[in-house]
Amino acid sequence: MVKYFLDLYLKPKTTWEKLSEEKFTIPQIYAKLVVIFAFIPAVSHFIGFVVFRDYYVSAIKQFLEMAEKDQEQSARTIAYMKALMKELQDNDIVQEFMIMAVTYGFELLKPLVIAIIILFLSPAFGGIKDPNKSFTVAAFALVPSWMAGAFYIMNSPISMFMIFLGMFYTFYLIFIGAEKVLKIPSEGSKNFQFIIVVIILYLVISGVIGQIETLITYRILNV
């Protein structure tokens, strides 16, 4: 699988065609790809909390100052940010390890979520219905997002921009992979319609999952 990484991100169309001929299974992709790259944002959060905690504390203080002036700001969000700031100031390494584990667990879920969306939508847009190929597209496409997660080390506008670019490129790769691997025809802009629906569904589902992750993290912060 390693041989495809650089080529996929530099020559996506050609490399997706090669990947379409592979017969990777979901366990193989998890073991050789997902468990490695999904760890990047998790460990980056941990390093940021431990080494660059002052940047996070400063950003949270600024957020809380603005939140106090915003009557529409969620009380739950404010409570969460206060709990996170207290944890950073207390430097509780055990809690930080637990938060890293939770983050890692939810990152491991991402390719499964996208793969299910792809598997569900692909036949509707003229593509094939294949769990292994759907997961191949999801996992390989997520690598740029996971690598961009390294910027979680520093909480800054540049970090957020790089993470946005990583996610943007992930959806671009899914767009190309839809035609080359899943055989969704480009005629009538079916592949374009496909990626738009994928993005919408992913944002909705990831929003729900994000709320669950936040709730679990909040419980850890209040242990």
C-alpha atoms as a PDB file:
ATOM      1  CA  MET A   1       0.000   0.000   0.000  1.00  0.00           C
ATOM      2  CA  VAL A   2       2.859   2.372   0.778  1.00  0.00           C
ATOM      3  CA  LYS A   3       3.869   2.549  -2.876  1.00  0.00           C
ATOM      4  CA  TYR A   4       0.585   4.251  -3.720  1.00  0.00           C
ATOM      5  CA  PHE A   5       0.763   7.091  -1.194  1.00  0.00           C
ATOM      6  CA  LEU A   6       2.905   9.681  -2.952  1.00  0.00           C
ATOM      7  CA  ASP A   7       1.596   8.808  -6.423  1.00  0.00           C
ATOM      8  CA  LEU A   8      -2.027   9.076  -5.307  1.00  0.00           C
ATOM      9  CA  TYR A   9      -1.593  12.603  -4.001  1.00  0.00           C
ATOM     10  CA  LEU A  10       0.493  13.771  -6.969  1.00  0.00           C
ATOM     11  CA  LYS A  11      -1.190  11.792  -9.762  1.00  0.00           C
ATOM     12  CA  PRO A  12      -4.640  10.866  -8.389  1.00  0.00           C
ATOM     13  CA  LYS A  13      -6.321   9.833 -11.649  1.00  0.00           C
ATOM     14  CA  THR A  14      -3.592   7.420 -12.724  1.00  0.00           C
ATOM     15  CA  THR A  15      -3.101   5.993  -9.254  1.00  0.00           C
ATOM     16  CA  TRP A  16      -6.820   5.469  -8.600  1.00  0.00           C
ATOM     17  CA  GLU A  17      -6.936   3.418 -11.799  1.00  0.00           C
ATOM     18  CA  LYS A  18      -4.155   1.208 -10.414  1.00  0.00           C
ATOM     19  CA  LEU A  19      -5.870   0.960  -7.030  1.00  0.00           C
ATOM     20  CA  SER A  20      -9.107  -0.092  -8.727  1.00  0.00           C
ATOM     21  CA  GLU A  21      -7.334  -3.296  -9.774  1.00  0.00           C
ATOM     22  CA  GLU A  22      -6.202  -4.113  -6.238  1.00  0.00           C
ATOM     23  CA  LYS A  23      -8.219  -6.404  -3.995  1.00  0.00           C
ATOM     24  CA  PHE A  24      -7.500  -4.970  -0.568  1.00  0.00           C
ATOM     25  CA  THR A  25      -9.797  -6.103   2.234  1.00  0.00           C
ATOM     26  CA  ILE A  26     -11.126  -3.871   5.001  1.00  0.00           C
ATOM     27  CA  PRO A  27      -8.996  -5.577   7.735  1.00  0.00           C
ATOM     28  CA  GLN A  28      -5.867  -5.165   5.583  1.00  0.00           C
ATOM     29  CA  ILE A  29      -6.507  -1.465   5.061  1.00  0.00           C
ATOM     30  CA  TYR A  30      -7.235  -0.916   8.741  1.00  0.00           C
ATOM     31  CA  ALA A  31      -4.057  -2.728   9.818  1.00  0.00           C
ATOM     32  CA  LYS A  32      -1.672  -1.225   7.246  1.00  0.00           C
ATOM     33  CA  LEU A  33      -3.141   2.244   6.746  1.00  0.00           C
ATOM     34  CA  VAL A  34      -5.877   3.462   9.072  1.00  0.00           C
ATOM     35  CA  VAL A  35      -4.387   2.595  12.477  1.00  0.00           C
ATOM     36  CA  ILE A  36      -1.185   4.435  11.530  1.00  0.00           C
ATOM     37  CA  PHE A  37      -2.460   7.634   9.959  1.00  0.00           C
ATOM     38  CA  ALA A  38      -5.497   8.022  12.250  1.00  0.00           C
ATOM     39  CA  PHE A  39      -3.062   8.324  15.152  1.00  0.00           C
ATOM     40  CA  ILE A  40      -1.570  11.577  13.783  1.00  0.00           C
ATOM     41  CA  PRO A  41      -4.362  13.976  14.875  1.00  0.00           C
ATOM     42  CA  ALA A  42      -4.753  12.163  18.204  1.00  0.00           C
ATOM     43  CA  VAL A  43      -1.076  12.372  19.175  1.00  0.00           C
ATOM     44  CA  SER A  44      -0.877  15.928  17.800  1.00  0.00           C
ATOM     45  CA  HIS A  45      -3.677  16.997  20.143  1.00  0.00           C
ATOM     46  CA  PHE A  46      -1.802  15.359  23.011  1.00  0.00           C
ATOM     47  CA  ILE A  47       1.497  17.078  22.155  1.00  0.00           C
ATOM     48  CA  GLY A  48      -0.311  20.386  21.781  1.00  0.00           C
ATOM     49  CA  PHE A  49      -1.958  20.018  25.189  1.00  0.00           C
ATOM     50  CA  VAL A  50       1.334  19.045  26.858  1.00  0.00           C
ATOM     51  CA  VAL A  51       3.995  21.102  25.060  1.00  0.00           C
ATOM     52  CA  PHE A  52       2.074  24.060  23.658  1.00  0.00           C
ATOM     53  CA  ARG A  53      -0.664  24.286  26.270  1.00  0.00           C
ATOM     54  CA  ASP A  54      -0.218  28.057  26.656  1.00  0.00           C
ATOM     55  CA  TYR A  55      -1.423  28.602  23.090  1.00  0.00           C
ATOM     56  CA  TYR A  56      -4.557  26.569  23.793  1.00  0.00           C
ATOM     57  CA  VAL A  57      -5.218  28.315  27.107  1.00  0.00           C
ATOM     58  CA  SER A  58      -4.833  31.726  25.445  1.00  0.00           C
ATOM     59  CA  ALA A  59      -7.217  30.779  22.634  1.00  0.00           C
ATOM     60  CA  ILE A  60      -9.804  29.442  25.083  1.00  0.00           C
ATOM     61  CA  LYS A  61      -9.617  32.626  27.170  1.00  0.00           C
ATOM     62  CA  GLN A  62     -10.254  34.704  24.057  1.00  0.00           C
ATOM     63  CA  PHE A  63     -13.190  32.478  23.134  1.00  0.00           C
ATOM     64  CA  LEU A  64     -14.716  32.770  26.623  1.00  0.00           C
ATOM     65  CA  GLU A  65     -14.345  36.548  26.582  1.00  0.00           C
ATOM     66  CA  MET A  66     -16.280  36.714  23.305  1.00  0.00           C
ATOM     67  CA  ALA A  67     -18.793  34.091  24.469  1.00  0.00           C
ATOM     68  CA  GLU A  68     -19.734  36.182  27.505  1.00  0.00           C
ATOM     69  CA  LYS A  69     -20.851  38.951  25.126  1.00  0.00           C
ATOM     70  CA  ASP A  70     -22.792  36.572  22.882  1.00  0.00           C
ATOM     71  CA  GLN A  71     -26.173  35.715  24.369  1.00  0.00           C
ATOM     72  CA  GLU A  72     -26.765  33.062  21.704  1.00  0.00           C
ATOM     73  CA  GLN A  73     -23.644  31.114  22.610  1.00  0.00           C
ATOM     74  CA  SER A  74     -24.429  27.626  23.912  1.00  0.00           C
ATOM     75  CA  ALA A  75     -24.050  27.232  27.666  1.00  0.00           C
ATOM     76  CA  ARG A  76     -22.851  23.659  27.095  1.00  0.00           C
ATOM     77  CA  THR A  77     -20.063  24.889  24.807  1.00  0.00           C
ATOM     78  CA  ILE A  78     -18.958  27.459  27.388  1.00  0.00           C
ATOM     79  CA  ALA A  79     -18.964  24.813  30.139  1.00  0.00           C
ATOM     80  CA  TYR A  80     -16.913  22.472  27.945  1.00  0.00           C
ATOM     81  CA  MET A  81     -14.314  25.138  27.144  1.00  0.00           C
ATOM     82  CA  LYS A  82     -14.010  26.093  30.816  1.00  0.00           C
ATOM     83  CA  ALA A  83     -13.492  22.449  31.770  1.00  0.00           C
ATOM     84  CA  LEU A  84     -10.870  22.054  29.041  1.00  0.00           C
ATOM     85  CA  MET A  85      -9.015  25.183  30.163  1.00  0.00           C
ATOM     86  CA  LYS A  86      -9.000  23.934  33.768  1.00  0.00           C
ATOM     87  CA  GLU A  87      -7.578  20.581  32.641  1.00  0.00           C
ATOM     88  CA  LEU A  88      -4.825  22.328  30.670  1.00  0.00           C
ATOM     89  CA  GLN A  89      -3.950  24.541  33.605  1.00  0.00           C
ATOM     90  CA  ASP A  90      -3.934  21.568  36.008  1.00  0.00           C
ATOM     91  CA  ASN A  91      -1.706  19.585  33.593  1.00  0.00           C
ATOM     92  CA  ASP A  92      -3.461  16.296  34.329  1.00  0.00           C
ATOM     93  CA  ILE A  93      -1.496  13.875  32.142  1.00  0.00           C
ATOM     94  CA  VAL A  94      -3.910  10.990  32.788  1.00  0.00           C
ATOM     95  CA  GLN A  95      -6.864  12.966  31.463  1.00  0.00           C
ATOM     96  CA  GLU A  96      -4.808  14.054  28.459  1.00  0.00           C
ATOM     97  CA  PHE A  97      -4.014  10.410  27.650  1.00  0.00           C
ATOM     98  CA  MET A  98      -7.715   9.568  27.952  1.00  0.00           C
ATOM     99  CA  ILE A  99      -8.659  12.425  25.623  1.00  0.00           C
ATOM    100  CA  MET A 100      -6.039  11.215  23.125  1.00  0.00           C
ATOM    101  CA  ALA A 101      -7.524   7.713  23.264  1.00  0.00           C
ATOM    102  CA  VAL A 102     -11.036   9.060  22.638  1.00  0.00           C
ATOM    103  CA  THR A 103      -9.802  11.189  19.730  1.00  0.00           C
ATOM    104  CA  TYR A 104      -7.996   8.195  18.250  1.00  0.00           C
ATOM    105  CA  GLY A 105     -11.080   6.015  18.562  1.00  0.00           C
ATOM    106  CA  PHE A 106     -13.254   8.492  16.695  1.00  0.00           C
ATOM    107  CA  GLU A 107     -10.594   9.000  14.008  1.00  0.00           C
ATOM    108  CA  LEU A 108     -10.667   5.230  13.464  1.00  0.00           C
ATOM    109  CA  LEU A 109     -14.403   5.531  12.805  1.00  0.00           C
ATOM    110  CA  LYS A 110     -14.073   8.155  10.058  1.00  0.00           C
ATOM    111  CA  PRO A 111     -13.209   5.844   7.143  1.00  0.00           C
ATOM    112  CA  LEU A 112     -16.003   3.493   8.159  1.00  0.00           C
ATOM    113  CA  VAL A 113     -18.534   6.351   8.144  1.00  0.00           C
ATOM    114  CA  ILE A 114     -17.417   7.601   4.730  1.00  0.00           C
ATOM    115  CA  ALA A 115     -17.264   4.065   3.330  1.00  0.00           C
ATOM    116  CA  ILE A 116     -20.863   3.379   4.412  1.00  0.00           C
ATOM    117  CA  ILE A 117     -22.011   6.629   2.789  1.00  0.00           C
ATOM    118  CA  ILE A 118     -20.156   5.723  -0.428  1.00  0.00           C
ATOM    119  CA  LEU A 119     -21.493   2.159  -0.397  1.00  0.00           C
ATOM    120  CA  PHE A 120     -25.038   3.435   0.060  1.00  0.00           C
ATOM    121  CA  LEU A 121     -24.849   6.139  -2.631  1.00  0.00           C
ATOM    122  CA  SER A 122     -22.665   4.592  -5.325  1.00  0.00           C
ATOM    123  CA  PRO A 123     -25.342   2.379  -6.977  1.00  0.00           C
ATOM    124  CA  ALA A 124     -27.789   5.299  -7.026  1.00  0.00           C
ATOM    125  CA  PHE A 125     -25.358   7.245  -9.238  1.00  0.00           C
ATOM    126  CA  GLY A 126     -24.521   4.360 -11.570  1.00  0.00           C
ATOM    127  CA  GLY A 127     -21.515   2.986  -9.687  1.00  0.00           C
ATOM    128  CA  ILE A 128     -20.722  -0.413  -8.229  1.00  0.00           C
ATOM    129  CA  LYS A 129     -21.660  -1.587  -4.755  1.00  0.00           C
ATOM    130  CA  ASP A 130     -18.504  -3.086  -3.273  1.00  0.00           C
ATOM    131  CA  PRO A 131     -17.662  -2.761   0.477  1.00  0.00           C
ATOM    132  CA  ASN A 132     -13.923  -3.311   0.015  1.00  0.00           C
ATOM    133  CA  LYS A 133     -13.573  -0.795  -2.810  1.00  0.00           C
ATOM    134  CA  SER A 134     -15.742   1.722  -0.970  1.00  0.00           C
ATOM    135  CA  PHE A 135     -13.505   1.397   2.066  1.00  0.00           C
ATOM    136  CA  THR A 136     -10.393   1.650  -0.142  1.00  0.00           C
ATOM    137  CA  VAL A 137     -11.594   4.985  -1.515  1.00  0.00           C
ATOM    138  CA  ALA A 138     -12.558   6.272   1.937  1.00  0.00           C
ATOM    139  CA  ALA A 139      -9.343   5.264   3.711  1.00  0.00           C
ATOM    140  CA  PHE A 140      -6.841   6.369   1.072  1.00  0.00           C
ATOM    141  CA  ALA A 141      -8.700   9.648   0.550  1.00  0.00           C
ATOM    142  CA  LEU A 142      -8.592  10.420   4.288  1.00  0.00           C
ATOM    143  CA  VAL A 143      -4.791  10.306   4.519  1.00  0.00           C
ATOM    144  CA  PRO A 144      -4.350  14.039   3.636  1.00  0.00           C
ATOM    145  CA  SER A 145      -6.845  14.958   6.382  1.00  0.00           C
ATOM    146  CA  TRP A 146      -5.040  12.813   8.930  1.00  0.00           C
ATOM    147  CA  MET A 147      -1.667  14.250   7.913  1.00  0.00           C
ATOM    148  CA  ALA A 148      -3.047  17.780   8.188  1.00  0.00           C
ATOM    149  CA  GLY A 149      -4.065  16.799  11.727  1.00  0.00           C
ATOM    150  CA  ALA A 150      -0.403  17.254  12.660  1.00  0.00           C
ATOM    151  CA  PHE A 151      -1.187  20.983  12.807  1.00  0.00           C
ATOM    152  CA  TYR A 152      -3.324  20.389  15.913  1.00  0.00           C
ATOM    153  CA  ILE A 153      -0.014  20.710  17.774  1.00  0.00           C
ATOM    154  CA  MET A 154      -0.339  24.478  17.459  1.00  0.00           C
ATOM    155  CA  ASN A 155      -3.739  26.108  17.914  1.00  0.00           C
ATOM    156  CA  SER A 156      -3.618  28.895  15.330  1.00  0.00           C
ATOM    157  CA  PRO A 157      -5.494  30.186  12.255  1.00  0.00           C
ATOM    158  CA  ILE A 158      -2.828  28.553  10.073  1.00  0.00           C
ATOM    159  CA  SER A 159      -3.603  25.197  11.715  1.00  0.00           C
ATOM    160  CA  MET A 160      -7.304  25.536  10.942  1.00  0.00           C
ATOM    161  CA  PHE A 161      -6.521  26.526   7.350  1.00  0.00           C
ATOM    162  CA  MET A 162      -4.265  23.502   6.809  1.00  0.00           C
ATOM    163  CA  ILE A 163      -6.875  21.176   8.303  1.00  0.00           C
ATOM    164  CA  PHE A 164      -9.474  22.677   5.951  1.00  0.00           C
ATOM    165  CA  LEU A 165      -7.156  22.101   2.983  1.00  0.00           C
ATOM    166  CA  GLY A 166      -6.611  18.503   4.068  1.00  0.00           C
ATOM    167  CA  MET A 167     -10.358  17.858   4.185  1.00  0.00           C
ATOM    168  CA  PHE A 168     -10.871  19.645   0.870  1.00  0.00           C
ATOM    169  CA  TYR A 169      -8.290  17.393  -0.793  1.00  0.00           C
ATOM    170  CA  THR A 170      -9.903  14.342   0.804  1.00  0.00           C
ATOM    171  CA  PHE A 171     -13.194  15.108  -0.936  1.00  0.00           C
ATOM    172  CA  TYR A 172     -11.355  15.830  -4.184  1.00  0.00           C
ATOM    173  CA  LEU A 173      -9.758  12.375  -4.002  1.00  0.00           C
ATOM    174  CA  ILE A 174     -13.153  10.795  -3.351  1.00  0.00           C
ATOM    175  CA  PHE A 175     -14.490  12.669  -6.385  1.00  0.00           C
ATOM    176  CA  ILE A 176     -11.759  11.182  -8.601  1.00  0.00           C
ATOM    177  CA  GLY A 177     -11.972   7.751  -6.951  1.00  0.00           C
ATOM    178  CA  ALA A 178     -15.725   7.649  -7.555  1.00  0.00           C
ATOM    179  CA  GLU A 179     -15.139   7.503 -11.296  1.00  0.00           C
ATOM    180  CA  LYS A 180     -11.949   5.418 -11.378  1.00  0.00           C
ATOM    181  CA  VAL A 181     -12.669   2.881  -8.615  1.00  0.00           C
ATOM    182  CA  LEU A 182     -16.429   2.891  -8.113  1.00  0.00           C
ATOM    183  CA  LYS A 183     -17.132   3.346 -11.858  1.00  0.00           C
ATOM    184  CA  ILE A 184     -19.557   6.217 -11.387  1.00  0.00           C
ATOM    185  CA  PRO A 185     -19.919   7.774 -14.850  1.00  0.00           C
ATOM    186  CA  SER A 186     -18.951  11.392 -15.394  1.00  0.00           C
ATOM    187  CA  GLU A 187     -21.676  11.800 -18.024  1.00  0.00           C
ATOM    188  CA  GLY A 188     -24.431  14.108 -16.848  1.00  0.00           C
ATOM    189  CA  SER A 189     -22.192  15.236 -13.976  1.00  0.00           C
ATOM    190  CA  LYS A 190     -23.174  12.152 -11.996  1.00  0.00           C
ATOM    191  CA  ASN A 191     -19.784  11.993 -10.263  1.00  0.00           C
ATOM    192  CA  PHE A 192     -20.106  15.677  -9.301  1.00  0.00           C
ATOM    193  CA  GLN A 193     -23.608  15.130  -7.929  1.00  0.00           C
ATOM    194  CA  PHE A 194     -22.312  12.105  -6.053  1.00  0.00           C
ATOM    195  CA  ILE A 195     -19.556  14.014  -4.228  1.00  0.00           C
ATOM    196  CA  ILE A 196     -21.920  16.853  -3.298  1.00  0.00           C
ATOM    197  CA  VAL A 197     -24.319  14.395  -1.638  1.00  0.00           C
ATOM    198  CA  VAL A 198     -21.388  12.610   0.042  1.00  0.00           C
ATOM    199  CA  ILE A 199     -20.160  15.908   1.503  1.00  0.00           C
ATOM    200  CA  ILE A 200     -23.605  16.867   2.779  1.00  0.00           C
ATOM    201  CA  LEU A 201     -24.240  13.491   4.415  1.00  0.00           C
ATOM    202  CA  TYR A 202     -20.733  13.364   5.875  1.00  0.00           C
ATOM    203  CA  LEU A 203     -21.068  16.832   7.427  1.00  0.00           C
ATOM    204  CA  VAL A 204     -24.422  15.933   8.960  1.00  0.00           C
ATOM    205  CA  ILE A 205     -23.257  12.588  10.356  1.00  0.00           C
ATOM    206  CA  SER A 206     -19.879  13.919  11.514  1.00  0.00           C
ATOM    207  CA  GLY A 207     -21.702  16.719  13.331  1.00  0.00           C
ATOM    208  CA  VAL A 208     -23.689  14.154  15.307  1.00  0.00           C
ATOM    209  CA  ILE A 209     -20.589  12.046  15.974  1.00  0.00           C
ATOM    210  CA  GLY A 210     -18.683  15.184  16.986  1.00  0.00           C
ATOM    211  CA  GLN A 211     -21.329  15.929  19.605  1.00  0.00           C
ATOM    212  CA  ILE A 212     -20.928  12.431  21.028  1.00  0.00           C
ATOM    213  CA  GLU A 213     -17.133  12.803  21.092  1.00  0.00           C
ATOM    214  CA  THR A 214     -17.464  16.170  22.849  1.00  0.00           C
ATOM    215  CA  LEU A 215     -19.829  14.677  25.424  1.00  0.00           C
ATOM    216  CA  ILE A 216     -17.412  11.823  26.202  1.00  0.00           C
ATOM    217  CA  THR A 217     -14.486  14.241  26.436  1.00  0.00           C
ATOM    218  CA  TYR A 218     -16.513  16.515  28.737  1.00  0.00           C
ATOM    219  CA  ARG A 219     -17.203  13.570  31.037  1.00  0.00           C
ATOM    220  CA  ILE A 220     -13.464  12.822  31.156  1.00  0.00           C
ATOM    221  CA  LEU A 221     -12.671  16.459  31.986  1.00  0.00           C
ATOM    222  CA  ASN A 222     -15.089  16.316  34.911  1.00  0.00           C
ATOM    223  CA  VAL A 223     -13.856  13.034  36.382  1.00  0.00           C
END
